[in-house]
């Protein structure tokens, strides 16, 4: 049996797990995948100190791996965009098949890379770039290729989901939940891209390119992170029949594609509402088949390494029929005009007639109020406070109108502060 020769760049958490699979599970891969993989060379900036195998050729010059004529498949796991792009494009020009877990690279440089791959008759495996070990890329690339996707909604960042779960279940404040995630190795020392929504937005842009046949364009994704969610919001959401999740959403409307990633109230009866801890889930709605749901571990070295090796096996079997770079007449558009239901939390003066005045502002913008909560807050002597929180669930409204509404509310003497505004997940079909 001929062995496919692999060159690996990057021996961090994921790269180390891939290295271990290739070196210690070769018999299992041969049995289940039907192919042998020979690890020809490893590129590691720290050199042999991070590669615990004496029989592996290790170089600190990562470009040497991309240029190595003995490498058939080039695996890029260094992360980042600029140097990773240079490595991948060099490997493509050298005729090597590519496997990558680099979501940022594809979200920003995807079209350029896939076009170059097409010109050089090579293929790119990127299952590990979204949802780790959960095969959502394969679902869009192969399983649903005969169906027109209308929308997808998913939890794509395990770190954010773990933090929101801790805050909801344990009533832990955001900063403490984040610290616990870091202690458990579920969050990086610098967790910015996880908690500000960047990571999920990059993944959403990749899914949109596959689902709706539009260019890879991270800049077209509207997004916010979970850092504005606090325990009070989670309590009110629970009282109203929702959980708050960070939802990546893509929708095809006529020939317009809208992509976003926001903290979102999800009804308890919706499957995504029940996805806890660091797990990922994706629901895809397609004509002819309806909804399919994909659930599994989305973070961590082992699940991601599993997806990398699965791509190696797929490439050994001939790759994929669907071409991610093919484009249609669909156009990516900013999401400001899309209408969705909303959650608002305000601090208002505790005096008669305030709710009526606030309701009038909503009515003037032609926005319905679907639910309203106002809890009395009393101080130690039993007297009511001067200000009370009011939570409103509205009908569908666009970002543009929300801005106008919040400006009007902030101008009211009766409103002390417009604390929060979140989206509410509403199924289209």
Protein backbone atom coordinates (compact mmCIF):
# COMPACT_ATOMS: atom_id res chain seq x y z
CA UNK A 1 0.00 0.00 0.00
CA UNK A 2 1.43 3.36 -1.07
CA UNK A 3 1.78 5.90 1.73
CA UNK A 4 0.72 9.50 1.25
CA UNK A 5 3.49 11.81 2.42
CA UNK A 6 2.47 14.54 4.86
CA UNK A 7 4.21 17.76 5.83
CA UNK A 8 2.94 19.44 9.00
CA UNK A 9 3.50 23.06 10.04
CA UNK A 10 2.52 24.08 13.55
CA UNK A 11 2.93 21.98 16.68
CA UNK A 12 0.73 23.83 19.14
CA UNK A 13 -2.21 22.17 20.89
CA UNK A 14 -3.93 21.07 17.68
CA UNK A 15 -0.73 20.36 15.75
CA UNK A 16 0.57 18.27 18.61
CA UNK A 17 -2.63 16.22 18.64
CA UNK A 18 -2.42 15.69 14.87
CA UNK A 19 1.21 14.66 15.21
CA UNK A 20 0.24 12.11 17.86
CA UNK A 21 -2.56 10.67 15.71
CA UNK A 22 -0.30 10.25 12.70
CA UNK A 23 2.49 8.66 14.69
CA UNK A 24 0.56 6.51 17.16
CA UNK A 25 -2.67 5.62 15.34
CA UNK A 26 -1.34 4.69 11.92
CA UNK A 27 -2.72 1.14 12.13
CA UNK A 28 -6.19 2.44 13.01
CA UNK A 29 -6.06 4.94 10.16
CA UNK A 30 -5.02 2.17 7.78
CA UNK A 31 -7.83 -0.07 9.02
CA UNK A 32 -10.63 2.52 9.04
CA UNK A 33 -9.46 4.91 6.35
CA UNK A 34 -7.77 2.45 4.05
CA UNK A 35 -4.62 4.55 3.64
CA UNK A 36 -1.15 4.92 5.08
CA UNK A 37 0.20 8.35 5.93
CA UNK A 38 3.91 8.97 6.24
CA UNK A 39 4.91 12.06 8.21
CA UNK A 40 7.77 13.33 6.06
CA UNK A 41 8.59 16.61 7.80
CA UNK A 42 7.39 18.84 10.63
CA UNK A 43 7.85 22.60 10.72
CA UNK A 44 8.06 23.93 14.28
CA UNK A 45 9.42 27.32 15.29
CA UNK A 46 10.65 25.86 18.60
CA UNK A 47 12.36 22.99 16.84
CA UNK A 48 12.73 19.43 18.07
CA UNK A 49 11.89 20.34 21.67
CA UNK A 50 8.15 20.24 20.83
CA UNK A 51 8.31 17.04 18.74
CA UNK A 52 8.61 13.93 20.96
CA UNK A 53 9.51 11.56 18.13
CA UNK A 54 13.13 10.93 17.18
CA UNK A 55 12.33 9.52 13.76
CA UNK A 56 10.67 12.72 12.47
CA UNK A 57 12.49 15.29 10.37
CA UNK A 58 11.99 18.64 12.13
CA UNK A 59 12.83 22.08 10.76
CA UNK A 60 12.45 25.57 12.20
CA UNK A 61 12.14 26.92 8.65
CA UNK A 62 8.44 26.37 7.97
CA UNK A 63 8.79 27.43 4.35
CA UNK A 64 11.08 24.45 3.85
CA UNK A 65 8.07 22.17 4.41
CA UNK A 66 5.97 24.05 1.85
CA UNK A 67 8.78 23.63 -0.68
CA UNK A 68 9.67 20.03 0.17
CA UNK A 69 9.29 17.94 -3.03
CA UNK A 70 8.71 14.80 -0.94
CA UNK A 71 5.49 16.21 0.61
CA UNK A 72 2.16 15.29 -1.03
CA UNK A 73 -0.19 16.95 1.49
CA UNK A 74 0.67 20.15 3.35
CA UNK A 75 -1.06 20.63 6.73
CA UNK A 76 -1.15 24.22 8.00
CA UNK A 77 -1.88 24.63 11.72
CA UNK A 78 0.12 27.73 12.66
CA UNK A 79 -2.86 30.12 12.78
CA UNK A 80 -2.84 33.80 11.85
CA UNK A 81 -3.19 35.10 8.31
CA UNK A 82 -0.15 36.71 6.71
CA UNK A 83 2.55 34.06 7.10
CA UNK A 84 0.00 31.25 6.96
CA UNK A 85 -1.23 32.64 3.64
CA UNK A 86 2.33 32.75 2.31
CA UNK A 87 2.94 29.15 3.39
CA UNK A 88 -0.31 27.82 1.94
CA UNK A 89 0.03 29.64 -1.37
CA UNK A 90 3.62 28.42 -1.71
CA UNK A 91 2.52 24.84 -1.07
CA UNK A 92 -0.31 25.18 -3.61
CA UNK A 93 2.06 26.48 -6.28
CA UNK A 94 4.21 23.44 -5.56
CA UNK A 95 1.24 21.20 -6.35
CA UNK A 96 0.55 20.01 -2.81
CA UNK A 97 -2.91 19.20 -1.48
CA UNK A 98 -3.83 21.38 1.51
CA UNK A 99 -5.43 20.74 4.90
CA UNK A 100 -5.97 23.65 7.27
CA UNK A 101 -7.85 24.47 10.47
CA UNK A 102 -7.28 28.20 9.97
CA UNK A 103 -10.68 29.93 10.02
CA UNK A 104 -9.18 33.43 9.94
CA UNK A 105 -7.15 32.61 6.85
CA UNK A 106 -10.17 31.31 4.93
CA UNK A 107 -12.53 34.04 6.12
CA UNK A 108 -10.15 36.74 4.90
CA UNK A 109 -8.17 35.13 2.06
CA UNK A 110 -10.45 32.26 1.06
CA UNK A 111 -11.35 33.33 -2.49
CA UNK A 112 -7.75 34.04 -3.41
CA UNK A 113 -6.58 30.71 -2.00
CA UNK A 114 -9.29 28.61 -3.64
CA UNK A 115 -8.77 30.31 -6.98
CA UNK A 116 -5.05 29.54 -6.80
CA UNK A 117 -5.83 25.95 -5.82
CA UNK A 118 -8.12 25.58 -8.83
CA UNK A 119 -5.42 26.93 -11.15
CA UNK A 120 -2.94 24.40 -9.75
CA UNK A 121 -5.39 21.49 -9.71
CA UNK A 122 -5.15 20.89 -5.97
CA UNK A 123 -7.82 20.62 -3.28
CA UNK A 124 -8.23 22.11 0.17
CA UNK A 125 -9.60 20.35 3.23
CA UNK A 126 -10.85 22.69 5.95
CA UNK A 127 -13.31 20.69 8.07
CA UNK A 128 -11.40 21.63 11.22
CA UNK A 129 -11.90 25.37 10.62
CA UNK A 130 -15.51 25.31 11.86
CA UNK A 131 -16.99 23.35 14.80
CA UNK A 132 -13.91 21.21 15.42
CA UNK A 133 -14.81 17.54 15.30
CA UNK A 134 -18.42 18.12 14.26
CA UNK A 135 -18.63 17.59 10.46
CA UNK A 136 -20.59 20.69 9.45
CA UNK A 137 -18.32 21.48 6.48
CA UNK A 138 -18.86 17.99 5.11
CA UNK A 139 -22.62 18.43 5.50
CA UNK A 140 -22.60 21.57 3.34
CA UNK A 141 -19.90 20.40 0.95
CA UNK A 142 -21.35 16.95 0.30
CA UNK A 143 -24.46 15.89 2.22
CA UNK A 144 -26.67 18.84 1.27
CA UNK A 145 -25.22 19.54 -2.17
CA UNK A 146 -28.54 18.62 -3.84
CA UNK A 147 -30.55 21.02 -1.65
CA UNK A 148 -30.87 24.80 -1.67
CA UNK A 149 -29.93 26.10 1.79
CA UNK A 150 -32.21 28.88 3.00
CA UNK A 151 -30.67 29.57 6.41
CA UNK A 152 -28.38 28.27 9.11
CA UNK A 153 -28.13 29.07 12.81
CA UNK A 154 -25.48 27.78 15.13
CA UNK A 155 -23.37 27.94 18.27
CA UNK A 156 -19.87 27.98 16.83
CA UNK A 157 -17.65 29.11 19.72
CA UNK A 158 -17.19 26.67 22.58
CA UNK A 159 -15.55 29.23 24.87
CA UNK A 160 -18.46 31.66 24.68
CA UNK A 161 -20.98 28.87 25.13
CA UNK A 162 -19.18 27.57 28.20
CA UNK A 163 -19.13 31.06 29.76
CA UNK A 164 -22.83 31.66 29.08
CA UNK A 165 -23.68 28.22 30.50
CA UNK A 166 -21.74 28.95 33.69
CA UNK A 167 -23.41 32.34 34.05
CA UNK A 168 -26.86 30.85 33.51
CA UNK A 169 -26.58 27.72 35.65
CA UNK A 170 -24.29 28.91 38.44
CA UNK A 171 -25.34 32.60 38.36
CA UNK A 172 -21.64 33.43 38.01
CA UNK A 173 -20.59 36.88 36.82
CA UNK A 174 -18.94 37.14 33.42
CA UNK A 175 -15.40 37.78 34.66
CA UNK A 176 -15.46 34.79 37.03
CA UNK A 177 -16.90 32.49 34.35
CA UNK A 178 -14.17 33.59 31.95
CA UNK A 179 -11.48 32.91 34.57
CA UNK A 180 -12.86 29.41 35.14
CA UNK A 181 -12.85 28.75 31.39
CA UNK A 182 -9.18 29.79 31.28
CA UNK A 183 -8.32 27.56 34.24
CA UNK A 184 -9.91 24.59 32.45
CA UNK A 185 -8.04 25.34 29.23
CA UNK A 186 -11.26 26.24 27.40
CA UNK A 187 -10.23 29.86 26.88
CA UNK A 188 -6.92 31.32 25.70
CA UNK A 189 -4.82 33.62 27.86
CA UNK A 190 -6.03 36.33 25.49
CA UNK A 191 -9.68 35.34 24.87
CA UNK A 192 -10.58 38.47 22.90
CA UNK A 193 -11.52 36.80 19.62
CA UNK A 194 -13.79 34.35 21.44
CA UNK A 195 -15.68 36.76 23.65
CA UNK A 196 -15.95 39.68 21.19
CA UNK A 197 -17.56 37.45 18.54
CA UNK A 198 -14.74 37.52 15.97
CA UNK A 199 -14.15 33.76 16.04
CA UNK A 200 -17.81 32.88 15.47
CA UNK A 201 -18.16 35.57 12.80
CA UNK A 202 -15.20 34.17 10.85
CA UNK A 203 -16.73 30.71 10.99
CA UNK A 204 -20.10 32.10 9.90
CA UNK A 205 -18.49 33.69 6.84
CA UNK A 206 -17.02 30.30 5.85
CA UNK A 207 -20.39 28.59 6.27
CA UNK A 208 -22.08 31.32 4.22
CA UNK A 209 -19.61 30.84 1.35
CA UNK A 210 -20.45 27.13 1.27
CA UNK A 211 -24.18 27.39 1.94
CA UNK A 212 -25.03 30.30 -0.36
CA UNK A 213 -22.18 30.27 -2.92
CA UNK A 214 -20.98 33.78 -2.16
CA UNK A 215 -17.38 35.01 -1.76
CA UNK A 216 -15.48 34.48 1.48
CA UNK A 217 -15.92 37.92 3.01
CA UNK A 218 -15.51 38.36 6.75
CA UNK A 219 -16.08 42.12 6.46
CA UNK A 220 -19.69 41.51 5.41
CA UNK A 221 -20.53 39.81 8.73
CA UNK A 222 -22.23 41.89 11.43
CA UNK A 223 -21.31 40.69 14.92
CA UNK A 224 -20.99 41.41 18.63
CA UNK A 225 -19.63 39.37 21.51
CA UNK A 226 -20.96 38.08 24.82
CA UNK A 227 -19.17 40.62 27.01
CA UNK A 228 -22.36 42.74 27.26
CA UNK A 229 -24.42 39.87 28.67
CA UNK A 230 -24.79 39.76 32.44
CA UNK A 231 -26.52 37.50 34.94
CA UNK A 232 -29.57 39.75 35.13
CA UNK A 233 -30.20 39.33 31.41
CA UNK A 234 -29.94 35.56 31.76
CA UNK A 235 -32.43 35.60 34.65
CA UNK A 236 -34.95 37.66 32.71
CA UNK A 237 -34.48 35.47 29.64
CA UNK A 238 -35.18 32.36 31.72
CA UNK A 239 -38.32 33.94 33.19
CA UNK A 240 -39.56 34.67 29.68
CA UNK A 241 -38.83 31.17 28.35
CA UNK A 242 -35.44 31.72 26.70
CA UNK A 243 -31.74 31.02 27.08
CA UNK A 244 -29.13 33.47 25.81
CA UNK A 245 -26.70 31.93 23.32
CA UNK A 246 -24.17 33.38 20.90
CA UNK A 247 -25.79 32.58 17.57
CA UNK A 248 -24.13 32.69 14.16
CA UNK A 249 -26.85 33.16 11.57
CA UNK A 250 -26.90 33.12 7.79
CA UNK A 251 -29.93 33.69 5.60
CA UNK A 252 -30.67 33.71 1.88
CA UNK A 253 -33.53 36.06 1.01
CA UNK A 254 -34.21 36.20 -2.72
CA UNK A 255 -30.64 36.73 -3.98
CA UNK A 256 -29.41 38.58 -0.90
CA UNK A 257 -27.30 36.89 1.78
CA UNK A 258 -27.15 38.21 5.33
CA UNK A 259 -24.67 36.87 7.88
CA UNK A 260 -24.33 37.75 11.56
CA UNK A 261 -23.14 36.52 14.96
CA UNK A 262 -24.82 38.00 18.04
CA UNK A 263 -25.86 37.19 21.61
CA UNK A 264 -29.41 36.02 21.06
CA UNK A 265 -32.39 34.92 23.14
CA UNK A 266 -33.30 31.39 21.99
CA UNK A 267 -36.66 29.84 22.99
CA UNK A 268 -36.40 26.85 25.32
CA UNK A 269 -38.15 24.59 22.81
CA UNK A 270 -35.46 25.22 20.16
CA UNK A 271 -32.63 22.67 20.18
CA UNK A 272 -29.90 25.33 20.16
CA UNK A 273 -31.21 26.62 23.49
CA UNK A 274 -30.25 23.34 25.15
CA UNK A 275 -26.65 23.21 23.91
CA UNK A 276 -24.49 23.68 26.98
CA UNK A 277 -20.90 23.90 28.13
CA UNK A 278 -18.26 24.02 25.36
CA UNK A 279 -20.35 22.12 22.81
CA UNK A 280 -21.16 23.39 19.31
CA UNK A 281 -24.32 22.90 17.27
CA UNK A 282 -25.52 23.95 13.83
CA UNK A 283 -29.02 23.84 12.38
CA UNK A 284 -29.30 24.04 8.60
CA UNK A 285 -32.61 24.53 6.80
CA UNK A 286 -32.68 23.46 3.16
CA UNK A 287 -35.45 23.08 0.62
CA UNK A 288 -36.62 19.53 0.15
CA UNK A 289 -35.20 18.22 3.42
CA UNK A 290 -36.08 20.81 6.06
CA UNK A 291 -33.92 21.15 9.16
CA UNK A 292 -30.88 19.04 9.94
CA UNK A 293 -28.93 19.52 13.16
CA UNK A 294 -25.25 18.79 13.81
CA UNK A 295 -24.02 18.61 17.41
CA UNK A 296 -20.68 17.82 18.95
CA UNK A 297 -17.42 19.08 20.45
CA UNK A 298 -16.32 22.26 18.73
CA UNK A 299 -13.18 23.12 20.64
CA UNK A 300 -10.11 21.41 21.99
CA UNK A 301 -7.09 19.74 20.39
CA UNK A 302 -8.50 16.21 20.00
CA UNK A 303 -11.77 17.05 18.17
CA UNK A 304 -9.99 19.47 15.86
CA UNK A 305 -7.17 17.00 15.17
CA UNK A 306 -9.79 14.38 14.35
CA UNK A 307 -11.24 16.70 11.70
CA UNK A 308 -7.76 17.38 10.26
CA UNK A 309 -7.05 13.66 9.87
CA UNK A 310 -10.53 13.09 8.39
CA UNK A 311 -9.61 15.61 5.69
CA UNK A 312 -6.37 13.72 5.04
CA UNK A 313 -8.38 10.56 4.46
CA UNK A 314 -10.86 12.37 2.18
CA UNK A 315 -7.99 13.77 0.13
CA UNK A 316 -6.49 10.29 -0.13
CA UNK A 317 -9.81 9.08 -1.51
CA UNK A 318 -9.90 11.78 -4.18
CA UNK A 319 -11.25 14.82 -2.39
CA UNK A 320 -14.57 16.57 -2.86
CA UNK A 321 -16.91 16.98 -5.80
CA UNK A 322 -18.35 20.31 -4.62
CA UNK A 323 -16.20 23.36 -5.38
CA UNK A 324 -16.33 25.94 -2.54
CA UNK A 325 -15.08 28.76 -4.77
CA UNK A 326 -17.99 28.56 -7.21
CA UNK A 327 -20.12 31.67 -6.99
CA UNK A 328 -23.72 32.42 -7.90
CA UNK A 329 -25.83 35.53 -8.43
CA UNK A 330 -26.29 35.80 -4.66
CA UNK A 331 -24.93 38.99 -3.08
CA UNK A 332 -23.63 39.49 0.46
CA UNK A 333 -25.32 42.48 2.08
CA UNK A 334 -25.11 44.22 5.42
CA UNK A 335 -27.80 43.07 7.80
CA UNK A 336 -29.12 46.42 9.01
CA UNK A 337 -32.40 46.13 7.10
CA UNK A 338 -33.31 42.63 8.34
CA UNK A 339 -36.08 42.62 10.94
CA UNK A 340 -35.90 40.34 13.99
CA UNK A 341 -37.65 40.37 17.39
CA UNK A 342 -35.73 42.11 20.18
CA UNK A 343 -35.09 42.11 23.93
CA UNK A 344 -34.70 45.48 25.67
CA UNK A 345 -33.72 46.15 29.29
CA UNK A 346 -34.19 49.68 30.57
CA UNK A 347 -33.87 51.50 33.89
CA UNK A 348 -36.85 53.84 34.29
CA UNK A 349 -38.22 56.20 36.91
CA UNK A 350 -40.58 54.53 39.32
CA UNK A 351 -43.57 56.78 38.81
CA UNK A 352 -47.06 56.54 37.27
CA UNK A 353 -47.49 56.71 33.51
CA UNK A 354 -43.94 55.74 32.55
CA UNK A 355 -44.86 52.43 30.90
CA UNK A 356 -47.56 54.15 28.86
CA UNK A 357 -45.07 56.74 27.59
CA UNK A 358 -42.51 54.08 26.70
CA UNK A 359 -45.18 52.04 24.93
CA UNK A 360 -46.10 55.13 22.90
CA UNK A 361 -42.50 55.43 21.66
CA UNK A 362 -42.61 51.83 20.47
CA UNK A 363 -46.00 52.41 18.83
CA UNK A 364 -44.74 55.52 17.03
CA UNK A 365 -42.04 53.36 15.42
CA UNK A 366 -44.69 50.76 14.54
CA UNK A 367 -43.07 48.22 16.88
CA UNK A 368 -45.29 45.85 18.82
CA UNK A 369 -44.62 44.95 22.47
CA UNK A 370 -45.00 41.19 22.88
CA UNK A 371 -44.09 40.94 26.58
CA UNK A 372 -43.12 43.28 29.42
CA UNK A 373 -41.68 42.70 32.88
CA UNK A 374 -41.39 45.27 35.65
CA UNK A 375 -40.29 44.01 39.08
CA UNK A 376 -40.53 46.25 42.10
CA UNK A 377 -37.23 46.78 43.89
CA UNK A 378 -37.33 47.76 47.55
CA UNK A 379 -34.55 49.10 49.74
CA UNK A 380 -33.81 47.92 53.28
CA UNK A 381 -36.54 49.98 54.93
CA UNK A 382 -39.15 48.52 52.59
CA UNK A 383 -39.55 51.64 50.50
CA UNK A 384 -39.52 51.45 46.71
CA UNK A 385 -36.48 52.70 44.82
CA UNK A 386 -36.57 55.73 42.54
CA UNK A 387 -35.69 53.62 39.50
CA UNK A 388 -36.76 50.13 38.41
CA UNK A 389 -35.72 47.79 35.59
CA UNK A 390 -38.16 47.20 32.74
CA UNK A 391 -37.71 44.37 30.24
CA UNK A 392 -39.54 44.47 26.92
CA UNK A 393 -39.77 41.85 24.20
CA UNK A 394 -40.69 43.50 20.92
CA UNK A 395 -41.90 42.37 17.53
CA UNK A 396 -39.54 42.28 14.58
CA UNK A 397 -37.48 45.41 14.01
CA UNK A 398 -34.36 46.30 12.01
CA UNK A 399 -31.05 47.57 13.37
CA UNK A 400 -31.72 50.97 11.78
CA UNK A 401 -35.01 51.38 13.61
CA UNK A 402 -33.53 50.05 16.86
CA UNK A 403 -30.96 52.87 16.81
CA UNK A 404 -33.70 55.46 16.32
CA UNK A 405 -35.80 53.85 19.05
CA UNK A 406 -32.94 53.81 21.57
CA UNK A 407 -32.13 57.46 20.83
CA UNK A 408 -35.74 58.41 21.52
CA UNK A 409 -35.85 56.39 24.72
CA UNK A 410 -32.57 57.89 25.96
CA UNK A 411 -34.01 61.38 25.37
CA UNK A 412 -36.95 60.66 27.68
CA UNK A 413 -36.79 62.11 31.19
CA UNK A 414 -38.50 58.99 32.47
CA UNK A 415 -35.74 56.66 31.16
CA UNK A 416 -32.57 56.65 33.26
CA UNK A 417 -30.64 54.26 30.99
CA UNK A 418 -31.13 51.91 28.05
CA UNK A 419 -29.06 49.06 29.43
CA UNK A 420 -29.30 46.27 26.86
CA UNK A 421 -30.66 45.25 23.48
CA UNK A 422 -30.36 41.71 22.15
CA UNK A 423 -31.87 39.79 19.27
CA UNK A 424 -34.42 37.00 19.67
CA UNK A 425 -34.06 33.88 17.54
CA UNK A 426 -37.12 33.30 15.41
CA UNK A 427 -37.28 30.40 12.97
CA UNK A 428 -38.12 31.43 9.45
CA UNK A 429 -39.73 28.12 8.48
